[in-house]
PDB file of N, CA and C in Angstrom:
ATOM      1  N   MET A   1     110.043 119.643 109.433  1.00  0.00           N
ATOM      2  CA  MET A   1     108.807 119.698 110.068  1.00  0.00           C
ATOM      3  C   MET A   1     108.960 119.484 111.527  1.00  0.00           C
ATOM      4  N   ARG A   2     108.474 120.322 112.378  1.00  0.00           N
ATOM      5  CA  ARG A   2     108.617 120.203 113.873  1.00  0.00           C
ATOM      6  C   ARG A   2     107.624 119.205 114.381  1.00  0.00           C
ATOM      7  N   ARG A   3     107.953 118.543 115.449  1.00  0.00           N
ATOM      8  CA  ARG A   3     107.098 117.531 116.080  1.00  0.00           C
ATOM      9  C   ARG A   3     106.025 118.201 116.867  1.00  0.00           C
ATOM     10  N   PRO A   4     104.782 117.723 116.851  1.00  0.00           N
ATOM     11  CA  PRO A   4     103.727 118.357 117.614  1.00  0.00           C
ATOM     12  C   PRO A   4     103.851 118.095 119.157  1.00  0.00           C
ATOM     13  N   ILE A   5     103.267 118.989 119.920  1.00  0.00           N
ATOM     14  CA  ILE A   5     103.190 118.761 121.370  1.00  0.00           C
ATOM     15  C   ILE A   5     102.053 117.803 121.641  1.00  0.00           C
ATOM     16  N   GLU A   6     102.115 116.991 122.727  1.00  0.00           N
ATOM     17  CA  GLU A   6     101.079 116.061 123.051  1.00  0.00           C
ATOM     18  C   GLU A   6      99.729 116.616 122.929  1.00  0.00           C
ATOM     19  N   GLY A   7      98.890 115.963 122.140  1.00  0.00           N
ATOM     20  CA  GLY A   7      97.519 116.360 121.947  1.00  0.00           C
ATOM     21  C   GLY A   7      97.292 117.334 120.772  1.00  0.00           C
ATOM     22  N   GLU A   8      98.375 118.022 120.372  1.00  0.00           N
ATOM     23  CA  GLU A   8      98.217 119.030 119.300  1.00  0.00           C
ATOM     24  C   GLU A   8      98.084 118.308 117.938  1.00  0.00           C
ATOM     25  N   LYS A   9      97.194 118.837 117.133  1.00  0.00           N
ATOM     26  CA  LYS A   9      97.019 118.280 115.776  1.00  0.00           C
ATOM     27  C   LYS A   9      97.879 119.044 114.844  1.00  0.00           C
ATOM     28  N   MET A  10      98.473 118.327 113.899  1.00  0.00           N
ATOM     29  CA  MET A  10      99.380 118.869 112.954  1.00  0.00           C
ATOM     30  C   MET A  10      99.264 118.081 111.658  1.00  0.00           C
ATOM     31  N   GLY A  11      98.680 118.662 110.632  1.00  0.00           N
ATOM     32  CA  GLY A  11      98.516 117.917 109.325  1.00  0.00           C
ATOM     33  C   GLY A  11      97.691 116.693 109.522  1.00  0.00           C
ATOM     34  N   GLY A  12      96.710 116.727 110.391  1.00  0.00           N
ATOM     35  CA  GLY A  12      95.835 115.568 110.550  1.00  0.00           C
ATOM     36  C   GLY A  12      96.347 114.499 111.447  1.00  0.00           C
ATOM     37  N   ALA A  13      97.531 114.629 111.970  1.00  0.00           N
ATOM     38  CA  ALA A  13      98.145 113.685 112.889  1.00  0.00           C
ATOM     39  C   ALA A  13      98.260 114.261 114.296  1.00  0.00           C
ATOM     40  N   THR A  14      98.134 113.483 115.292  1.00  0.00           N
ATOM     41  CA  THR A  14      98.388 113.953 116.627  1.00  0.00           C
ATOM     42  C   THR A  14      99.713 113.528 117.134  1.00  0.00           C
ATOM     43  N   ALA A  15     100.145 114.085 118.236  1.00  0.00           N
ATOM     44  CA  ALA A  15     101.486 113.734 118.752  1.00  0.00           C
ATOM     45  C   ALA A  15     101.617 112.251 118.985  1.00  0.00           C
ATOM     46  N   ALA A  16     100.501 111.549 119.421  1.00  0.00           N
ATOM     47  CA  ALA A  16     100.587 110.139 119.646  1.00  0.00           C
ATOM     48  C   ALA A  16     100.975 109.361 118.380  1.00  0.00           C
ATOM     49  N   ASP A  17     100.604 109.926 117.257  1.00  0.00           N
ATOM     50  CA  ASP A  17     101.018 109.207 115.955  1.00  0.00           C
ATOM     51  C   ASP A  17     102.473 109.202 115.756  1.00  0.00           C
ATOM     52  N   TYR A  18     103.218 110.066 116.468  1.00  0.00           N
ATOM     53  CA  TYR A  18     104.716 110.123 116.231  1.00  0.00           C
ATOM     54  C   TYR A  18     105.472 109.130 117.208  1.00  0.00           C
ATOM     55  N   ALA A  19     104.728 108.650 118.239  1.00  0.00           N
ATOM     56  CA  ALA A  19     105.471 107.714 119.140  1.00  0.00           C
ATOM     57  C   ALA A  19     105.162 106.271 118.666  1.00  0.00           C
ATOM     58  N   THR A  20     105.714 105.960 117.513  1.00  0.00           N
ATOM     59  CA  THR A  20     105.497 104.644 116.930  1.00  0.00           C
ATOM     60  C   THR A  20     106.593 103.659 117.231  1.00  0.00           C
ATOM     61  N   LYS A  21     106.200 102.464 117.577  1.00  0.00           N
ATOM     62  CA  LYS A  21     107.152 101.368 117.771  1.00  0.00           C
ATOM     63  C   LYS A  21     106.996 100.338 116.651  1.00  0.00           C
ATOM     64  N   ALA A  22     108.169  99.876 116.173  1.00  0.00           N
ATOM     65  CA  ALA A  22     108.127  98.903 115.110  1.00  0.00           C
ATOM     66  C   ALA A  22     109.159  97.865 115.423  1.00  0.00           C
ATOM     67  N   ALA A  23     108.814  96.580 115.215  1.00  0.00           N
ATOM     68  CA  ALA A  23     109.797  95.552 115.404  1.00  0.00           C
ATOM     69  C   ALA A  23     109.716  94.674 114.138  1.00  0.00           C
ATOM     70  N   THR A  24     110.850  94.256 113.631  1.00  0.00           N
ATOM     71  CA  THR A  24     110.873  93.407 112.418  1.00  0.00           C
ATOM     72  C   THR A  24     111.717  92.107 112.797  1.00  0.00           C
ATOM     73  N   VAL A  25     111.239  90.997 112.269  1.00  0.00           N
ATOM     74  CA  VAL A  25     112.026  89.784 112.312  1.00  0.00           C
ATOM     75  C   VAL A  25     112.211  89.372 110.819  1.00  0.00           C
ATOM     76  N   HIS A  26     113.374  89.479 110.296  1.00  0.00           N
ATOM     77  CA  HIS A  26     113.704  89.231 108.938  1.00  0.00           C
ATOM     78  C   HIS A  26     114.524  87.940 108.864  1.00  0.00           C
ATOM     79  N   VAL A  27     114.008  86.960 108.072  1.00  0.00           N
ATOM     80  CA  VAL A  27     114.717  85.691 107.918  1.00  0.00           C
ATOM     81  C   VAL A  27     114.684  85.371 106.426  1.00  0.00           C
ATOM     82  N   ASP A  28     115.873  85.075 105.932  1.00  0.00           N
ATOM     83  CA  ASP A  28     116.033  84.611 104.507  1.00  0.00           C
ATOM     84  C   ASP A  28     117.243  83.657 104.437  1.00  0.00           C
ATOM     85  N   ILE A  29     117.622  83.229 103.303  1.00  0.00           N
ATOM     86  CA  ILE A  29     118.654  82.304 103.157  1.00  0.00           C
ATOM     87  C   ILE A  29     120.041  82.888 103.614  1.00  0.00           C
ATOM     88  N   LYS A  30     120.156  84.162 103.676  1.00  0.00           N
ATOM     89  CA  LYS A  30     121.393  84.811 104.031  1.00  0.00           C
ATOM     90  C   LYS A  30     121.573  85.001 105.531  1.00  0.00           C
ATOM     91  N   GLY A  31     120.497  84.923 106.280  1.00  0.00           N
ATOM     92  CA  GLY A  31     120.579  85.124 107.717  1.00  0.00           C
ATOM     93  C   GLY A  31     119.204  85.490 108.353  1.00  0.00           C
ATOM     94  N   ALA A  32     119.309  85.883 109.603  1.00  0.00           N
ATOM     95  CA  ALA A  32     118.057  86.207 110.367  1.00  0.00           C
ATOM     96  C   ALA A  32     118.444  87.336 111.286  1.00  0.00           C
ATOM     97  N   GLU A  33     117.582  88.336 111.371  1.00  0.00           N
ATOM     98  CA  GLU A  33     117.851  89.452 112.182  1.00  0.00           C
ATOM     99  C   GLU A  33     116.636  90.107 112.851  1.00  0.00           C
ATOM    100  N   PHE A  34     116.797  90.755 113.963  1.00  0.00           N
ATOM    101  CA  PHE A  34     115.746  91.438 114.655  1.00  0.00           C
ATOM    102  C   PHE A  34     116.096  92.908 114.693  1.00  0.00           C
ATOM    103  N   THR A  35     115.141  93.741 114.478  1.00  0.00           N
ATOM    104  CA  THR A  35     115.301  95.196 114.528  1.00  0.00           C
ATOM    105  C   THR A  35     114.132  95.822 115.297  1.00  0.00           C
ATOM    106  N   TYR A  36     114.435  96.778 116.157  1.00  0.00           N
ATOM    107  CA  TYR A  36     113.423  97.409 116.909  1.00  0.00           C
ATOM    108  C   TYR A  36     113.680  98.887 116.831  1.00  0.00           C
ATOM    109  N   GLU A  37     112.630  99.669 116.466  1.00  0.00           N
ATOM    110  CA  GLU A  37     112.684 101.105 116.324  1.00  0.00           C
ATOM    111  C   GLU A  37     111.591 101.781 117.128  1.00  0.00           C
ATOM    112  N   VAL A  38     111.829 102.953 117.694  1.00  0.00           N
ATOM    113  CA  VAL A  38     110.841 103.721 118.369  1.00  0.00           C
ATOM    114  C   VAL A  38     110.940 105.190 117.840  1.00  0.00           C
ATOM    115  N   ASP A  39     109.812 105.622 117.344  1.00  0.00           N
ATOM    116  CA  ASP A  39     109.744 106.982 116.914  1.00  0.00           C
ATOM    117  C   ASP A  39     110.839 107.283 115.777  1.00  0.00           C
ATOM    118  N   ASN A  40     110.957 106.303 114.975  1.00  0.00           N
ATOM    119  CA  ASN A  40     111.863 106.366 113.831  1.00  0.00           C
ATOM    120  C   ASN A  40     113.343 106.415 114.230  1.00  0.00           C
ATOM    121  N   SER A  41     113.654 105.983 115.402  1.00  0.00           N
ATOM    122  CA  SER A  41     115.085 105.859 115.892  1.00  0.00           C
ATOM    123  C   SER A  41     115.379 104.356 116.123  1.00  0.00           C
ATOM    124  N   LEU A  42     116.518 103.930 115.597  1.00  0.00           N
ATOM    125  CA  LEU A  42     116.950 102.558 115.811  1.00  0.00           C
ATOM    126  C   LEU A  42     117.350 102.318 117.217  1.00  0.00           C
ATOM    127  N   ILE A  43     116.601 101.522 117.920  1.00  0.00           N
ATOM    128  CA  ILE A  43     116.950 101.222 119.325  1.00  0.00           C
ATOM    129  C   ILE A  43     117.923 100.098 119.329  1.00  0.00           C
ATOM    130  N   THR A  44     117.625  98.966 118.770  1.00  0.00           N
ATOM    131  CA  THR A  44     118.550  97.843 118.631  1.00  0.00           C
ATOM    132  C   THR A  44     118.302  97.044 117.416  1.00  0.00           C
ATOM    133  N   THR A  45     119.319  96.448 116.909  1.00  0.00           N
ATOM    134  CA  THR A  45     119.252  95.436 115.865  1.00  0.00           C
ATOM    135  C   THR A  45     120.379  94.471 116.070  1.00  0.00           C
ATOM    136  N   PHE A  46     120.054  93.162 115.780  1.00  0.00           N
ATOM    137  CA  PHE A  46     121.081  92.152 115.972  1.00  0.00           C
ATOM    138  C   PHE A  46     120.659  90.907 115.139  1.00  0.00           C
ATOM    139  N   GLY A  47     121.683  90.110 114.840  1.00  0.00           N
ATOM    140  CA  GLY A  47     121.459  88.880 114.126  1.00  0.00           C
ATOM    141  C   GLY A  47     120.934  87.896 115.164  1.00  0.00           C
ATOM    142  N   LEU A  48     119.968  87.057 114.791  1.00  0.00           N
ATOM    143  CA  LEU A  48     119.371  86.106 115.678  1.00  0.00           C
ATOM    144  C   LEU A  48     120.372  85.007 116.208  1.00  0.00           C
ATOM    145  N   HIS A  49     121.487  84.887 115.476  1.00  0.00           N
ATOM    146  CA  HIS A  49     122.513  83.942 115.946  1.00  0.00           C
ATOM    147  C   HIS A  49     123.768  84.647 116.487  1.00  0.00           C
ATOM    148  N   SER A  50     123.689  85.960 116.663  1.00  0.00           N
ATOM    149  CA  SER A  50     124.814  86.733 117.103  1.00  0.00           C
ATOM    150  C   SER A  50     124.424  87.961 117.879  1.00  0.00           C
ATOM    151  N   TYR A  51     123.749  87.717 119.025  1.00  0.00           N
ATOM    152  CA  TYR A  51     123.268  88.922 119.747  1.00  0.00           C
ATOM    153  C   TYR A  51     124.338  89.785 120.260  1.00  0.00           C
ATOM    154  N   ARG A  52     125.582  89.263 120.476  1.00  0.00           N
ATOM    155  CA  ARG A  52     126.699  90.128 121.051  1.00  0.00           C
ATOM    156  C   ARG A  52     127.057  91.149 120.033  1.00  0.00           C
ATOM    157  N   PHE A  53     126.731  91.112 118.776  1.00  0.00           N
ATOM    158  CA  PHE A  53     127.096  92.088 117.758  1.00  0.00           C
ATOM    159  C   PHE A  53     125.954  93.063 117.573  1.00  0.00           C
ATOM    160  N   ARG A  54     125.126  93.365 118.577  1.00  0.00           N
ATOM    161  CA  ARG A  54     123.959  94.287 118.458  1.00  0.00           C
ATOM    162  C   ARG A  54     124.430  95.726 118.286  1.00  0.00           C
ATOM    163  N   GLU A  55     123.563  96.501 117.718  1.00  0.00           N
ATOM    164  CA  GLU A  55     123.826  97.917 117.511  1.00  0.00           C
ATOM    165  C   GLU A  55     122.575  98.680 117.831  1.00  0.00           C
ATOM    166  N   GLY A  56     122.720  99.964 117.834  1.00  0.00           N
ATOM    167  CA  GLY A  56     121.602 100.882 117.988  1.00  0.00           C
ATOM    168  C   GLY A  56     121.825 101.898 119.146  1.00  0.00           C
ATOM    169  N   ASP A  57     120.830 102.808 119.280  1.00  0.00           N
ATOM    170  CA  ASP A  57     121.003 103.848 120.236  1.00  0.00           C
ATOM    171  C   ASP A  57     120.841 103.372 121.717  1.00  0.00           C
ATOM    172  N   ASP A  58     120.172 102.287 121.937  1.00  0.00           N
ATOM    173  CA  ASP A  58     120.035 101.651 123.249  1.00  0.00           C
ATOM    174  C   ASP A  58     119.949 100.139 123.034  1.00  0.00           C
ATOM    175  N   PRO A  59     121.118  99.528 122.618  1.00  0.00           N
ATOM    176  CA  PRO A  59     121.095  98.109 122.222  1.00  0.00           C
ATOM    177  C   PRO A  59     120.693  97.146 123.299  1.00  0.00           C
ATOM    178  N   ASP A  60     120.743  97.511 124.583  1.00  0.00           N
ATOM    179  CA  ASP A  60     120.414  96.543 125.682  1.00  0.00           C
ATOM    180  C   ASP A  60     119.042  96.796 126.232  1.00  0.00           C
ATOM    181  N   ARG A  61     118.180  97.639 125.590  1.00  0.00           N
ATOM    182  CA  ARG A  61     116.928  97.927 126.156  1.00  0.00           C
ATOM    183  C   ARG A  61     116.023  96.696 126.360  1.00  0.00           C
ATOM    184  N   LEU A  62     116.171  95.775 125.428  1.00  0.00           N
ATOM    185  CA  LEU A  62     115.373  94.502 125.548  1.00  0.00           C
ATOM    186  C   LEU A  62     116.129  93.330 126.051  1.00  0.00           C
ATOM    187  N   LEU A  63     117.237  93.609 126.716  1.00  0.00           N
ATOM    188  CA  LEU A  63     118.133  92.519 127.181  1.00  0.00           C
ATOM    189  C   LEU A  63     117.369  91.516 128.163  1.00  0.00           C
ATOM    190  N   ASP A  64     116.643  92.001 129.085  1.00  0.00           N
ATOM    191  CA  ASP A  64     115.939  91.059 130.017  1.00  0.00           C
ATOM    192  C   ASP A  64     114.983  90.156 129.239  1.00  0.00           C
ATOM    193  N   ASP A  65     114.258  90.702 128.319  1.00  0.00           N
ATOM    194  CA  ASP A  65     113.441  89.845 127.468  1.00  0.00           C
ATOM    195  C   ASP A  65     114.188  88.912 126.579  1.00  0.00           C
ATOM    196  N   VAL A  66     115.292  89.404 126.037  1.00  0.00           N
ATOM    197  CA  VAL A  66     116.173  88.540 125.211  1.00  0.00           C
ATOM    198  C   VAL A  66     116.641  87.341 126.002  1.00  0.00           C
ATOM    199  N   ARG A  67     117.084  87.586 127.235  1.00  0.00           N
ATOM    200  CA  ARG A  67     117.533  86.460 128.121  1.00  0.00           C
ATOM    201  C   ARG A  67     116.429  85.490 128.430  1.00  0.00           C
ATOM    202  N   GLU A  68     115.222  86.047 128.757  1.00  0.00           N
ATOM    203  CA  GLU A  68     114.119  85.231 129.181  1.00  0.00           C
ATOM    204  C   GLU A  68     113.661  84.378 128.023  1.00  0.00           C
ATOM    205  N   LEU A  69     113.724  84.931 126.769  1.00  0.00           N
ATOM    206  CA  LEU A  69     113.267  84.122 125.657  1.00  0.00           C
ATOM    207  C   LEU A  69     114.278  83.208 125.009  1.00  0.00           C
ATOM    208  N   GLY A  70     115.481  83.197 125.572  1.00  0.00           N
ATOM    209  CA  GLY A  70     116.549  82.287 125.150  1.00  0.00           C
ATOM    210  C   GLY A  70     117.283  82.725 123.911  1.00  0.00           C
ATOM    211  N   LEU A  71     117.227  83.991 123.533  1.00  0.00           N
ATOM    212  CA  LEU A  71     117.845  84.431 122.361  1.00  0.00           C
ATOM    213  C   LEU A  71     119.436  84.621 122.453  1.00  0.00           C
ATOM    214  N   LEU A  72     119.910  84.492 123.714  1.00  0.00           N
ATOM    215  CA  LEU A  72     121.369  84.665 123.841  1.00  0.00           C
ATOM    216  C   LEU A  72     122.068  83.310 123.485  1.00  0.00           C
ATOM    217  N   ASP A  73     121.292  82.230 123.526  1.00  0.00           N
ATOM    218  CA  ASP A  73     121.831  80.895 123.201  1.00  0.00           C
ATOM    219  C   ASP A  73     121.655  80.790 121.667  1.00  0.00           C
ATOM    220  N   ALA A  74     122.717  80.578 120.966  1.00  0.00           N
ATOM    221  CA  ALA A  74     122.653  80.507 119.460  1.00  0.00           C
ATOM    222  C   ALA A  74     122.255  79.158 118.893  1.00  0.00           C
ATOM    223  N   SER A  75     121.886  78.268 119.821  1.00  0.00           N
ATOM    224  CA  SER A  75     121.420  76.949 119.307  1.00  0.00           C
ATOM    225  C   SER A  75     119.905  76.907 119.082  1.00  0.00           C
ATOM    226  N   GLY A  76     119.482  76.013 118.284  1.00  0.00           N
ATOM    227  CA  GLY A  76     118.066  75.949 118.068  1.00  0.00           C
ATOM    228  C   GLY A  76     117.550  76.955 117.111  1.00  0.00           C
ATOM    229  N   ASP A  77     116.184  76.960 116.974  1.00  0.00           N
ATOM    230  CA  ASP A  77     115.488  77.958 116.147  1.00  0.00           C
ATOM    231  C   ASP A  77     115.141  79.156 116.885  1.00  0.00           C
ATOM    232  N   PRO A  78     115.769  80.334 116.616  1.00  0.00           N
ATOM    233  CA  PRO A  78     115.449  81.586 117.266  1.00  0.00           C
ATOM    234  C   PRO A  78     114.196  82.307 116.889  1.00  0.00           C
ATOM    235  N   VAL A  79     113.580  81.860 115.734  1.00  0.00           N
ATOM    236  CA  VAL A  79     112.480  82.693 115.249  1.00  0.00           C
ATOM    237  C   VAL A  79     111.303  82.780 116.134  1.00  0.00           C
ATOM    238  N   PRO A  80     110.844  81.760 116.842  1.00  0.00           N
ATOM    239  CA  PRO A  80     109.732  81.874 117.783  1.00  0.00           C
ATOM    240  C   PRO A  80     110.043  82.876 118.824  1.00  0.00           C
ATOM    241  N   GLY A  81     111.268  82.856 119.416  1.00  0.00           N
ATOM    242  CA  GLY A  81     111.618  83.733 120.413  1.00  0.00           C
ATOM    243  C   GLY A  81     111.664  85.187 119.981  1.00  0.00           C
ATOM    244  N   ALA A  82     112.219  85.334 118.676  1.00  0.00           N
ATOM    245  CA  ALA A  82     112.291  86.656 118.100  1.00  0.00           C
ATOM    246  C   ALA A  82     110.840  87.236 117.900  1.00  0.00           C
ATOM    247  N   LEU A  83     109.961  86.413 117.490  1.00  0.00           N
ATOM    248  CA  LEU A  83     108.542  86.856 117.266  1.00  0.00           C
ATOM    249  C   LEU A  83     107.901  87.238 118.616  1.00  0.00           C
ATOM    250  N   ALA A  84     108.264  86.451 119.645  1.00  0.00           N
ATOM    251  CA  ALA A  84     107.770  86.850 121.005  1.00  0.00           C
ATOM    252  C   ALA A  84     108.352  88.123 121.457  1.00  0.00           C
ATOM    253  N   LEU A  85     109.638  88.344 121.190  1.00  0.00           N
ATOM    254  CA  LEU A  85     110.372  89.600 121.540  1.00  0.00           C
ATOM    255  C   LEU A  85     109.653  90.805 120.832  1.00  0.00           C
ATOM    256  N   ALA A  86     109.365  90.630 119.508  1.00  0.00           N
ATOM    257  CA  ALA A  86     108.637  91.675 118.753  1.00  0.00           C
ATOM    258  C   ALA A  86     107.319  92.009 119.369  1.00  0.00           C
ATOM    259  N   SER A  87     106.621  90.975 119.799  1.00  0.00           N
ATOM    260  CA  SER A  87     105.311  91.165 120.455  1.00  0.00           C
ATOM    261  C   SER A  87     105.421  91.891 121.776  1.00  0.00           C
ATOM    262  N   ARG A  88     106.411  91.497 122.573  1.00  0.00           N
ATOM    263  CA  ARG A  88     106.654  92.160 123.873  1.00  0.00           C
ATOM    264  C   ARG A  88     107.052  93.658 123.731  1.00  0.00           C
ATOM    265  N   ALA A  89     107.902  93.869 122.721  1.00  0.00           N
ATOM    266  CA  ALA A  89     108.471  95.188 122.473  1.00  0.00           C
ATOM    267  C   ALA A  89     107.462  96.208 122.024  1.00  0.00           C
ATOM    268  N   THR A  90     106.518  95.777 121.219  1.00  0.00           N
ATOM    269  CA  THR A  90     105.555  96.635 120.603  1.00  0.00           C
ATOM    270  C   THR A  90     104.181  96.630 121.285  1.00  0.00           C
ATOM    271  N   GLY A  91     103.904  95.525 122.054  1.00  0.00           N
ATOM    272  CA  GLY A  91     102.621  95.420 122.600  1.00  0.00           C
ATOM    273  C   GLY A  91     101.580  94.838 121.736  1.00  0.00           C
ATOM    274  N   VAL A  92     102.013  94.375 120.545  1.00  0.00           N
ATOM    275  CA  VAL A  92     101.096  93.843 119.570  1.00  0.00           C
ATOM    276  C   VAL A  92     101.276  92.248 119.551  1.00  0.00           C
ATOM    277  N   GLY A  93     100.196  91.625 119.888  1.00  0.00           N
ATOM    278  CA  GLY A  93     100.231  90.175 119.933  1.00  0.00           C
ATOM    279  C   GLY A  93     100.085  89.491 118.541  1.00  0.00           C
ATOM    280  N   LEU A  94     100.872  88.483 118.326  1.00  0.00           N
ATOM    281  CA  LEU A  94     100.763  87.746 117.014  1.00  0.00           C
ATOM    282  C   LEU A  94     100.275  86.311 117.357  1.00  0.00           C
ATOM    283  N   SER A  95      99.250  85.914 116.616  1.00  0.00           N
ATOM    284  CA  SER A  95      98.823  84.554 116.823  1.00  0.00           C
ATOM    285  C   SER A  95      99.600  83.695 115.795  1.00  0.00           C
ATOM    286  N   ARG A  96      99.625  82.391 116.089  1.00  0.00           N
ATOM    287  CA  ARG A  96     100.349  81.438 115.154  1.00  0.00           C
ATOM    288  C   ARG A  96      99.677  81.628 113.706  1.00  0.00           C
ATOM    289  N   ASP A  97      98.414  81.790 113.684  1.00  0.00           N
ATOM    290  CA  ASP A  97      97.725  81.928 112.365  1.00  0.00           C
ATOM    291  C   ASP A  97      98.221  83.107 111.541  1.00  0.00           C
ATOM    292  N   GLN A  98      98.716  84.150 112.208  1.00  0.00           N
ATOM    293  CA  GLN A  98      99.189  85.332 111.542  1.00  0.00           C
ATOM    294  C   GLN A  98     100.489  85.167 110.880  1.00  0.00           C
ATOM    295  N   TYR A  99     101.358  84.302 111.426  1.00  0.00           N
ATOM    296  CA  TYR A  99     102.725  84.176 110.819  1.00  0.00           C
ATOM    297  C   TYR A  99     103.087  82.802 110.327  1.00  0.00           C
ATOM    298  N   ALA A 100     102.297  81.783 110.705  1.00  0.00           N
ATOM    299  CA  ALA A 100     102.592  80.381 110.263  1.00  0.00           C
ATOM    300  C   ALA A 100     101.779  80.068 108.929  1.00  0.00           C
ATOM    301  N   ARG A 101     102.329  80.527 107.960  1.00  0.00           N
ATOM    302  CA  ARG A 101     101.568  80.244 106.613  1.00  0.00           C
ATOM    303  C   ARG A 101     102.541  79.598 105.627  1.00  0.00           C
ATOM    304  N   PRO A 102     102.059  78.955 104.622  1.00  0.00           N
ATOM    305  CA  PRO A 102     102.918  78.294 103.655  1.00  0.00           C
ATOM    306  C   PRO A 102     103.770  79.353 102.942  1.00  0.00           C
ATOM    307  N   VAL A 103     104.958  79.008 102.602  1.00  0.00           N
ATOM    308  CA  VAL A 103     105.847  79.878 101.958  1.00  0.00           C
ATOM    309  C   VAL A 103     105.428  79.947 100.485  1.00  0.00           C
ATOM    310  N   LEU A 104     105.415  81.136  99.931  1.00  0.00           N
ATOM    311  CA  LEU A 104     105.074  81.360  98.504  1.00  0.00           C
ATOM    312  C   LEU A 104     106.350  81.262  97.693  1.00  0.00           C
ATOM    313  N   ILE A 105     106.461  80.406  96.820  1.00  0.00           N
ATOM    314  CA  ILE A 105     107.632  80.156  95.994  1.00  0.00           C
ATOM    315  C   ILE A 105     107.192  80.193  94.562  1.00  0.00           C
ATOM    316  N   GLY A 106     108.012  80.894  93.711  1.00  0.00           N
ATOM    317  CA  GLY A 106     107.731  80.864  92.283  1.00  0.00           C
ATOM    318  C   GLY A 106     108.781  81.642  91.511  1.00  0.00           C
ATOM    319  N   SER A 107     108.740  81.507  90.247  1.00  0.00           N
ATOM    320  CA  SER A 107     109.737  82.220  89.376  1.00  0.00           C
ATOM    321  C   SER A 107     109.264  83.668  89.275  1.00  0.00           C
ATOM    322  N   THR A 108     110.235  84.518  89.168  1.00  0.00           N
ATOM    323  CA  THR A 108     110.007  85.992  88.939  1.00  0.00           C
ATOM    324  C   THR A 108     110.503  86.418  87.521  1.00  0.00           C
ATOM    325  N   ASP A 109     110.914  85.402  86.764  1.00  0.00           N
ATOM    326  CA  ASP A 109     111.429  85.676  85.437  1.00  0.00           C
ATOM    327  C   ASP A 109     110.498  86.513  84.548  1.00  0.00           C
ATOM    328  N   HIS A 110     109.251  86.294  84.757  1.00  0.00           N
ATOM    329  CA  HIS A 110     108.224  87.041  83.928  1.00  0.00           C
ATOM    330  C   HIS A 110     108.178  88.514  84.252  1.00  0.00           C
ATOM    331  N   LEU A 111     108.700  88.899  85.438  1.00  0.00           N
ATOM    332  CA  LEU A 111     108.651  90.276  85.866  1.00  0.00           C
ATOM    333  C   LEU A 111     109.775  91.117  85.204  1.00  0.00           C
ATOM    334  N   TYR A 112     110.792  90.442  84.607  1.00  0.00           N
ATOM    335  CA  TYR A 112     111.974  91.065  84.088  1.00  0.00           C
ATOM    336  C   TYR A 112     112.082  90.879  82.579  1.00  0.00           C
ATOM    337  N   ASP A 113     111.067  91.119  81.844  1.00  0.00           N
ATOM    338  CA  ASP A 113     111.065  90.962  80.402  1.00  0.00           C
ATOM    339  C   ASP A 113     112.084  91.899  79.750  1.00  0.00           C
ATOM    340  N   PHE A 114     112.337  93.009  80.418  1.00  0.00           N
ATOM    341  CA  PHE A 114     113.216  93.981  79.762  1.00  0.00           C
ATOM    342  C   PHE A 114     114.727  93.696  79.864  1.00  0.00           C
ATOM    343  N   PHE A 115     115.132  92.604  80.550  1.00  0.00           N
ATOM    344  CA  PHE A 115     116.482  92.262  80.669  1.00  0.00           C
ATOM    345  C   PHE A 115     116.934  91.378  79.579  1.00  0.00           C
TER     346      PHE A 115
END
């Protein structure tokens, strides 16, 4: 499928719908990472405790913000800085109420009756 020209409609979507930014902060017991994509292209991804091992098409695009938010220093909790970076990169603000919720914990054994 070809990409539409700015303002052109194609299948109900306009060209602006294709210039999508997405940032994720993924944290689990195995690690923590940040990923930033624009228009379905990986711009940068890195572990929150190992920025020097970043990858992507433009891995240093957010470097000034990474420095300012203290993500180059591997000490302390990097999650608040990573959430701020996601907000800056996408232009979408997150309030504490949107991400500071109790963790849901429970058994999933009932989901796997067929095992």
